[in-house]
Amino acid sequence: MSAGQAAMPATPAMVSLAALASAAGHGFVEFTDVEKSYDGRTFAVTRMNLNVARGEFLTLLGPSGSGKTTTLNMLAGFERPTHGTITLEGQPVDRLPPYQRNIGMVFQNYALFPHMTVEENVAFPLSVRQVSKADIAARVARALDMVRLQQFGDRRPTQLSGGQQQRVALARALVFQPSLVLMDEPLGALDKKLREHMQLEIKQLHTMLGVTIVYVTHDQSEALTMSDRVAVFNQGAIAQLGSPDDLYNTPQSSFVASFIGENNTLVGVVDRVSGGECRVRLNGGGEITALAIGVTPGSACHVAIRPERLNLTPAPAGGNALPATVDGRIYLGDHLRLLARLANDQVLTVKVGPEATMANGEPVTVSCAPNDCRAFPADAGTGGATPEQGKTT
């Protein structure tokens, strides 16, 4: 589909079909047992199996050094896998040079040619593909119209704002009708307000064009805002792969729970496990009931609780109630972050309305439902996924 053609917007049914195709192993992009080592001893990416459906917006999310950029570079052709295969539309590409993969790239630093005009920058991918001048002019005009920069065609990149330069980079990546667009931290150099605006613009372009996008970021709010699915990387493996809702509400490890969104972590030992729940004795005193995620009696654990799941009202039947003292108030306009220090000296962050009047030193009772607490093995707290956990499709 060209940049100027009217595109069919993505619908929930299309997204659902994409997810089913991916789950069934019929990915538009497929990584099969892919590993990457730069020195032959340590691995930047370990035993990766990953499918990306056609038309999907997949984000690779993780801290620095987790393997997400190496994965993108292997897909782009800038790096070769040490082991395994990568296919695009069913064809192996792991030995093809970048220019033979029909992939558009958008970088954090824009990578625009400063001596060229905006039109010349956008036209460059078409020129190297020996497209006719008449067709180049028409396609460049459509691409600039798509990113709302029609009137800036004769300017140099240095005459544009950061957001405008990023739009030029987007137009250049899309103008030659690539089957896949890769974005490597494209909004990292922008200020917060402009970054949030560009997030919406990129997502709207994705919906309009139906192009497949693989996006790299370390910003978890950006990933939640833009993605159909998110692959959370840690230590060279995928710790969890799922929709933003899945990752936020049903994390499968303490690492994912702490990396995605704001999270409270209580440390303790599992006393007993029954019916999918466990009773945890907190270090320093106190007990809490939580969902049991891979924990066993007698094992050390981390209990994850979202701030918005905590209340300062009486606990429901069967719920948790923890005596605490107000230790601080953080005003954020539409709500307060209330710091509640438990008797064991652990501190919980509780999200409350801005009208809350609790003062520092005031005793409170923090309550929550067991279903809103998730207990994970402590040895997986920040250590990340094992190679088997990383083997995700």
Protein backbone atom coordinates (compact mmCIF):
# COMPACT_ATOMS: atom_id res chain seq x y z
CA MET A 1 0.00 0.00 0.00
CA SER A 2 1.46 3.37 -0.95
CA ALA A 3 1.60 6.32 1.40
CA GLY A 4 -1.05 8.19 -0.51
CA GLN A 5 -3.59 5.42 -0.81
CA ALA A 6 -6.63 5.32 1.41
CA ALA A 7 -6.03 2.56 3.89
CA MET A 8 -8.46 0.39 5.76
CA PRO A 9 -8.18 1.12 9.49
CA ALA A 10 -7.29 -1.75 11.78
CA THR A 11 -10.30 -3.24 13.51
CA PRO A 12 -10.50 -5.40 16.64
CA ALA A 13 -11.22 -8.38 14.37
CA MET A 14 -8.03 -7.73 12.38
CA VAL A 15 -5.96 -7.46 15.55
CA SER A 16 -7.52 -10.67 16.85
CA LEU A 17 -6.69 -12.48 13.59
CA ALA A 18 -3.14 -11.18 13.81
CA ALA A 19 -2.79 -12.55 17.31
CA LEU A 20 -4.22 -15.91 16.27
CA ALA A 21 -1.87 -16.11 13.30
CA SER A 22 1.09 -15.37 15.55
CA ALA A 23 0.02 -17.89 18.16
CA ALA A 24 -0.42 -20.54 15.47
CA GLY A 25 3.17 -20.07 14.30
CA HIS A 26 2.40 -18.32 11.00
CA GLY A 27 4.21 -15.08 11.70
CA PHE A 28 4.96 -12.45 9.09
CA VAL A 29 8.33 -12.23 10.86
CA GLU A 30 9.70 -15.31 12.60
CA PHE A 31 12.72 -15.81 14.85
CA THR A 32 13.55 -19.49 15.31
CA ASP A 33 16.08 -20.50 17.99
CA VAL A 34 17.98 -17.25 17.42
CA GLU A 35 21.07 -16.49 19.49
CA LYS A 36 23.66 -13.73 19.25
CA SER A 37 27.12 -13.66 20.80
CA TYR A 38 29.75 -11.02 20.06
CA ASP A 39 32.65 -12.80 21.77
CA GLY A 40 31.73 -16.49 21.49
CA ARG A 41 31.28 -16.83 25.25
CA THR A 42 28.44 -14.60 26.43
CA PHE A 43 25.11 -14.11 24.67
CA ALA A 44 23.33 -10.83 24.02
CA VAL A 45 20.27 -12.80 22.83
CA THR A 46 19.52 -16.33 24.02
CA ARG A 47 17.32 -19.00 22.37
CA MET A 48 14.72 -16.63 21.00
CA ASN A 49 11.55 -17.87 19.30
CA LEU A 50 9.28 -14.99 18.32
CA ASN A 51 6.52 -14.45 15.74
CA VAL A 52 5.27 -11.07 14.54
CA ALA A 53 1.94 -11.02 12.70
CA ARG A 54 1.36 -8.99 9.54
CA GLY A 55 0.05 -5.53 10.43
CA GLU A 56 1.01 -5.86 14.08
CA PHE A 57 2.60 -3.15 16.21
CA LEU A 58 5.07 -5.08 18.37
CA THR A 59 7.28 -3.28 20.88
CA LEU A 60 10.55 -4.71 22.22
CA LEU A 61 10.80 -3.29 25.73
CA GLY A 62 13.53 -3.65 28.30
CA PRO A 63 16.38 -2.01 30.20
CA SER A 64 19.71 -1.18 28.59
CA GLY A 65 21.66 -4.31 27.68
CA SER A 66 18.60 -6.59 27.73
CA GLY A 67 18.89 -7.65 24.06
CA LYS A 68 16.09 -5.65 22.45
CA THR A 69 18.29 -3.49 20.17
CA THR A 70 20.43 -6.49 19.19
CA THR A 71 17.20 -8.28 18.18
CA LEU A 72 16.13 -5.29 16.07
CA ASN A 73 19.57 -5.04 14.46
CA MET A 74 19.46 -8.71 13.48
CA LEU A 75 16.06 -8.20 11.88
CA ALA A 76 17.32 -5.10 10.05
CA GLY A 77 20.45 -6.89 8.81
CA PHE A 78 22.98 -4.80 10.74
CA GLU A 79 23.92 -7.90 12.77
CA ARG A 80 23.90 -11.59 11.89
CA PRO A 81 22.61 -14.20 14.33
CA THR A 82 25.20 -16.58 15.74
CA HIS A 83 22.64 -19.35 15.63
CA GLY A 84 19.07 -19.77 14.36
CA THR A 85 17.06 -18.32 11.48
CA ILE A 86 15.02 -15.19 10.81
CA THR A 87 12.34 -15.21 8.11
CA LEU A 88 10.28 -12.41 6.56
CA GLU A 89 7.13 -13.47 4.71
CA GLY A 90 8.39 -17.07 4.86
CA GLN A 91 11.77 -16.31 3.28
CA PRO A 92 15.07 -16.52 5.24
CA VAL A 93 16.68 -13.10 5.58
CA ASP A 94 19.34 -13.65 8.22
CA ARG A 95 22.08 -13.70 5.54
CA LEU A 96 20.64 -10.94 3.34
CA PRO A 97 22.19 -7.44 3.47
CA PRO A 98 19.88 -4.68 4.78
CA TYR A 99 19.16 -3.16 1.36
CA GLN A 100 17.66 -6.44 0.11
CA ARG A 101 15.12 -6.80 2.92
CA ASN A 102 12.59 -4.08 1.92
CA ILE A 103 12.58 -2.75 5.49
CA GLY A 104 12.11 0.88 6.53
CA MET A 105 14.16 2.20 9.47
CA VAL A 106 13.55 5.13 11.82
CA PHE A 107 16.35 6.04 14.23
CA GLN A 108 16.51 8.10 17.42
CA ASN A 109 18.89 10.63 15.84
CA TYR A 110 16.72 10.88 12.67
CA ALA A 111 19.77 10.13 10.39
CA LEU A 112 18.69 12.82 7.90
CA PHE A 113 21.15 14.17 5.35
CA PRO A 114 21.85 17.78 6.42
CA HIS A 115 22.91 18.91 2.92
CA MET A 116 19.61 17.73 1.37
CA THR A 117 16.21 19.35 1.47
CA VAL A 118 13.26 17.62 3.12
CA GLU A 119 12.00 16.49 -0.29
CA GLU A 120 15.44 15.15 -1.25
CA ASN A 121 15.71 13.25 2.04
CA VAL A 122 12.34 11.61 1.54
CA ALA A 123 13.14 10.88 -2.11
CA PHE A 124 16.47 9.21 -1.35
CA PRO A 125 15.15 5.62 -0.85
CA LEU A 126 13.30 5.91 -4.17
CA SER A 127 16.34 7.29 -5.99
CA VAL A 128 18.57 4.39 -4.94
CA ARG A 129 15.83 2.04 -6.14
CA GLN A 130 15.90 3.81 -9.53
CA VAL A 131 12.26 4.87 -9.44
CA SER A 132 11.34 7.29 -12.25
CA LYS A 133 11.52 11.02 -11.45
CA ALA A 134 7.81 11.55 -12.12
CA ASP A 135 6.86 8.73 -9.76
CA ILE A 136 9.33 9.98 -7.14
CA ALA A 137 7.75 13.44 -7.15
CA ALA A 138 4.24 12.05 -6.73
CA ARG A 139 5.19 9.61 -3.96
CA VAL A 140 7.23 12.19 -2.05
CA ALA A 141 4.30 14.60 -2.18
CA ARG A 142 1.96 11.93 -0.81
CA ALA A 143 4.41 10.98 1.93
CA LEU A 144 4.87 14.59 3.06
CA ASP A 145 1.12 15.09 3.00
CA MET A 146 0.74 12.01 5.19
CA VAL A 147 3.00 13.51 7.88
CA ARG A 148 1.62 17.05 7.36
CA LEU A 149 4.85 18.61 6.09
CA GLN A 150 3.76 19.59 2.58
CA GLN A 151 4.92 23.19 2.99
CA PHE A 152 8.40 22.24 4.29
CA GLY A 153 9.71 20.36 1.27
CA ASP A 154 12.37 22.92 0.32
CA ARG A 155 13.78 23.36 3.84
CA ARG A 156 16.91 21.75 5.27
CA PRO A 157 16.65 19.47 8.35
CA THR A 158 18.42 22.08 10.51
CA GLN A 159 15.56 24.50 9.80
CA LEU A 160 13.04 22.11 11.39
CA SER A 161 12.09 21.32 14.98
CA GLY A 162 12.84 17.93 16.48
CA GLY A 163 9.27 16.75 15.95
CA GLN A 164 9.30 17.90 12.31
CA GLN A 165 12.59 16.12 11.69
CA GLN A 166 11.11 12.94 13.12
CA ARG A 167 8.15 13.27 10.75
CA VAL A 168 10.58 13.56 7.83
CA ALA A 169 12.30 10.38 9.03
CA LEU A 170 8.91 8.64 9.16
CA ALA A 171 8.02 9.79 5.66
CA ARG A 172 11.37 8.56 4.34
CA ALA A 173 10.87 5.15 5.99
CA LEU A 174 7.39 4.74 4.48
CA VAL A 175 7.77 6.30 1.02
CA PHE A 176 9.10 3.17 -0.70
CA GLN A 177 6.23 1.01 0.59
CA PRO A 178 8.24 -1.32 2.84
CA SER A 179 6.72 -4.54 4.09
CA LEU A 180 8.10 -3.84 7.56
CA VAL A 181 9.16 -0.71 9.48
CA LEU A 182 11.65 -0.88 12.34
CA MET A 183 11.88 1.96 14.86
CA ASP A 184 14.83 2.20 17.27
CA GLU A 185 13.96 4.54 20.17
CA PRO A 186 12.67 7.12 17.63
CA LEU A 187 11.27 9.51 20.25
CA GLY A 188 14.09 9.36 22.78
CA ALA A 189 15.50 12.79 21.87
CA LEU A 190 12.17 14.64 22.19
CA ASP A 191 10.77 16.40 25.25
CA LYS A 192 7.95 14.74 27.19
CA LYS A 193 5.03 16.66 25.66
CA LEU A 194 6.26 16.30 22.08
CA ARG A 195 7.12 12.64 22.67
CA GLU A 196 3.57 11.90 23.82
CA HIS A 197 2.17 13.74 20.79
CA MET A 198 4.39 11.77 18.40
CA GLN A 199 3.37 8.50 20.05
CA LEU A 200 -0.21 9.16 18.99
CA GLU A 201 0.85 10.25 15.50
CA ILE A 202 2.89 7.09 14.91
CA LYS A 203 0.04 4.92 16.17
CA GLN A 204 -2.42 6.72 13.87
CA LEU A 205 -0.11 6.18 10.89
CA HIS A 206 0.14 2.50 11.77
CA THR A 207 -3.64 2.20 11.88
CA MET A 208 -4.07 4.13 8.63
CA LEU A 209 -1.43 2.24 6.61
CA GLY A 210 -1.69 -1.22 8.15
CA VAL A 211 2.10 -1.60 7.99
CA THR A 212 3.90 -4.00 10.33
CA ILE A 213 5.98 -2.14 12.93
CA VAL A 214 8.62 -3.47 15.31
CA TYR A 215 9.48 -0.74 17.81
CA VAL A 216 12.26 -0.60 20.40
CA THR A 217 12.02 1.46 23.59
CA HIS A 218 13.02 1.37 27.26
CA ASP A 219 10.01 3.57 28.14
CA GLN A 220 7.27 1.29 29.49
CA SER A 221 4.53 3.94 29.27
CA GLU A 222 5.38 4.41 25.58
CA ALA A 223 5.10 0.66 25.02
CA LEU A 224 1.73 0.45 26.77
CA THR A 225 0.37 3.41 24.79
CA MET A 226 1.32 2.29 21.30
CA SER A 227 1.53 -1.49 21.06
CA ASP A 228 -0.69 -4.39 20.07
CA ARG A 229 1.77 -6.63 21.92
CA VAL A 230 4.91 -6.04 23.96
CA ALA A 231 7.91 -8.34 24.36
CA VAL A 232 9.59 -7.56 27.69
CA PHE A 233 13.32 -8.33 27.49
CA ASN A 234 15.66 -9.12 30.35
CA GLN A 235 19.18 -10.53 30.18
CA GLY A 236 18.94 -11.51 26.52
CA ALA A 237 15.62 -13.34 26.74
CA ILE A 238 11.93 -12.51 26.54
CA ALA A 239 10.63 -12.51 30.11
CA GLN A 240 7.00 -12.17 28.94
CA LEU A 241 5.15 -11.49 25.69
CA GLY A 242 1.57 -10.24 25.60
CA SER A 243 -0.84 -7.36 25.23
CA PRO A 244 -0.30 -4.24 27.35
CA ASP A 245 -3.27 -5.29 29.48
CA ASP A 246 -1.82 -8.77 30.04
CA LEU A 247 1.56 -7.43 31.07
CA TYR A 248 0.16 -4.83 33.44
CA ASN A 249 -2.56 -6.89 35.10
CA THR A 250 -1.14 -10.43 34.93
CA PRO A 251 2.66 -10.22 35.04
CA GLN A 252 4.34 -13.63 35.21
CA SER A 253 7.46 -12.57 37.13
CA SER A 254 8.52 -10.01 39.68
CA PHE A 255 10.76 -8.42 37.04
CA VAL A 256 7.85 -7.79 34.67
CA ALA A 257 5.63 -6.57 37.51
CA SER A 258 8.26 -4.04 38.59
CA PHE A 259 9.28 -2.98 35.08
CA ILE A 260 5.76 -2.43 33.72
CA GLY A 261 4.02 0.40 35.55
CA GLU A 262 4.40 1.44 39.18
CA ASN A 263 4.56 -1.36 41.66
CA ASN A 264 4.93 -2.09 45.38
CA THR A 265 7.11 -5.04 46.34
CA LEU A 266 6.82 -6.73 49.73
CA VAL A 267 9.42 -9.31 50.76
CA GLY A 268 8.53 -12.42 52.74
CA VAL A 269 8.38 -16.21 52.99
CA VAL A 270 5.53 -18.44 51.75
CA ASP A 271 3.80 -20.07 54.71
CA ARG A 272 1.31 -22.21 52.78
CA VAL A 273 -0.22 -22.60 49.30
CA SER A 274 -3.83 -23.60 48.66
CA GLY A 275 -6.28 -23.18 45.77
CA GLY A 276 -4.04 -20.91 43.74
CA GLU A 277 -3.41 -18.57 46.67
CA CYS A 278 -0.65 -18.43 49.25
CA ARG A 279 -0.20 -16.98 52.71
CA VAL A 280 3.01 -14.98 53.05
CA ARG A 281 4.80 -14.05 56.27
CA LEU A 282 6.36 -10.66 55.62
CA ASN A 283 9.91 -10.01 56.70
CA GLY A 284 9.85 -8.10 59.98
CA GLY A 285 6.25 -9.06 60.79
CA GLY A 286 2.78 -9.12 59.26
CA GLU A 287 1.04 -11.47 56.86
CA ILE A 288 -0.65 -11.15 53.48
CA THR A 289 -2.62 -13.44 51.14
CA ALA A 290 -1.75 -13.33 47.44
CA LEU A 291 -2.08 -15.24 44.18
CA ALA A 292 0.63 -17.90 44.03
CA ILE A 293 2.75 -17.57 40.85
CA GLY A 294 5.28 -20.41 40.92
CA VAL A 295 5.95 -20.25 44.67
CA THR A 296 6.21 -23.17 47.11
CA PRO A 297 5.81 -23.38 50.90
CA GLY A 298 8.91 -22.27 52.76
CA SER A 299 10.35 -20.34 49.80
CA ALA A 300 11.31 -16.67 49.80
CA CYS A 301 9.02 -14.52 47.67
CA HIS A 302 8.25 -11.03 46.43
CA VAL A 303 4.63 -9.86 46.59
CA ALA A 304 3.70 -7.29 43.90
CA ILE A 305 0.78 -4.88 44.40
CA ARG A 306 -0.18 -1.94 42.16
CA PRO A 307 -0.67 1.38 44.04
CA GLU A 308 -4.19 1.82 42.63
CA ARG A 309 -5.19 -1.60 44.03
CA LEU A 310 -4.53 -0.49 47.60
CA ASN A 311 -7.23 1.20 49.70
CA LEU A 312 -7.44 3.04 52.98
CA THR A 313 -10.88 1.61 53.72
CA PRO A 314 -11.81 -1.53 55.72
CA ALA A 315 -10.74 -4.75 54.01
CA PRO A 316 -13.43 -6.78 52.22
CA ALA A 317 -14.27 -10.23 53.53
CA GLY A 318 -11.18 -12.39 53.20
CA GLY A 319 -9.08 -9.37 52.24
CA ASN A 320 -5.75 -8.14 53.51
CA ALA A 321 -5.46 -5.42 56.15
CA LEU A 322 -2.06 -3.98 57.06
CA PRO A 323 -1.63 -1.37 59.82
CA ALA A 324 0.59 1.50 58.69
CA THR A 325 1.59 5.09 59.34
CA VAL A 326 1.53 7.91 56.78
CA ASP A 327 5.17 8.59 55.91
CA GLY A 328 4.77 11.11 53.09
CA ARG A 329 2.45 12.75 50.55
CA ILE A 330 3.25 13.36 46.87
CA TYR A 331 0.81 15.71 45.12
CA LEU A 332 0.32 14.94 41.41
CA GLY A 333 -2.69 17.10 40.54
CA ASP A 334 -5.41 14.55 39.87
CA HIS A 335 -4.28 12.24 42.69
CA LEU A 336 -1.94 11.81 45.65
CA ARG A 337 0.77 9.23 46.11
CA LEU A 338 0.52 8.43 49.81
CA LEU A 339 3.54 6.68 51.37
CA ALA A 340 2.42 4.24 54.07
CA ARG A 341 5.08 2.71 56.33
CA LEU A 342 4.17 -0.73 57.67
CA ALA A 343 5.10 -2.01 61.12
CA ASN A 344 7.97 -3.99 59.55
CA ASP A 345 9.35 -0.71 58.11
CA GLN A 346 8.49 -1.58 54.49
CA VAL A 347 6.83 1.33 52.66
CA LEU A 348 3.82 1.04 50.34
CA THR A 349 2.74 3.64 47.79
CA VAL A 350 -1.05 4.10 47.77
CA LYS A 351 -2.85 6.03 45.03
CA VAL A 352 -5.64 8.16 46.57
CA GLY A 353 -7.76 11.13 45.52
CA PRO A 354 -6.32 14.66 45.78
CA GLU A 355 -8.83 15.50 48.50
CA ALA A 356 -7.27 12.99 50.94
CA THR A 357 -6.38 14.72 54.22
CA MET A 358 -4.18 12.15 55.97
CA ALA A 359 -1.20 13.87 57.57
CA ASN A 360 2.31 12.58 58.11
CA GLY A 361 2.45 10.35 61.17
CA GLU A 362 -1.28 9.53 61.07
CA PRO A 363 -2.14 5.83 61.57
CA VAL A 364 -4.01 4.18 58.67
CA THR A 365 -5.00 0.69 57.59
CA VAL A 366 -3.98 -0.32 54.07
CA SER A 367 -6.28 -2.95 52.57
CA CYS A 368 -6.36 -4.97 49.34
CA ALA A 369 -7.93 -8.07 47.87
CA PRO A 370 -5.80 -11.23 47.51
CA ASN A 371 -6.52 -11.26 43.77
CA ASP A 372 -4.74 -7.91 43.50
CA CYS A 373 -1.53 -9.30 45.03
CA ARG A 374 0.85 -11.62 43.15
CA ALA A 375 3.55 -13.63 44.91
CA PHE A 376 6.63 -14.54 42.81
CA PRO A 377 9.76 -16.52 43.69
CA ALA A 378 12.34 -14.14 45.14
CA ASP A 379 15.14 -15.60 43.02
CA ALA A 380 13.31 -14.29 39.91
CA GLY A 381 12.77 -10.84 41.43
CA THR A 382 15.22 -8.90 39.29
CA GLY A 383 17.25 -11.67 37.77
CA GLY A 384 15.03 -12.02 34.74
CA ALA A 385 13.85 -14.93 32.67
CA THR A 386 15.62 -18.22 32.28
CA PRO A 387 16.43 -19.34 28.72
CA GLU A 388 13.31 -21.50 28.74
CA GLN A 389 11.17 -18.52 29.79
CA GLY A 390 12.71 -16.59 26.92
CA LYS A 391 11.63 -19.24 24.44
CA THR A 392 8.34 -17.49 23.68
CA THR A 393 6.17 -17.34 20.59
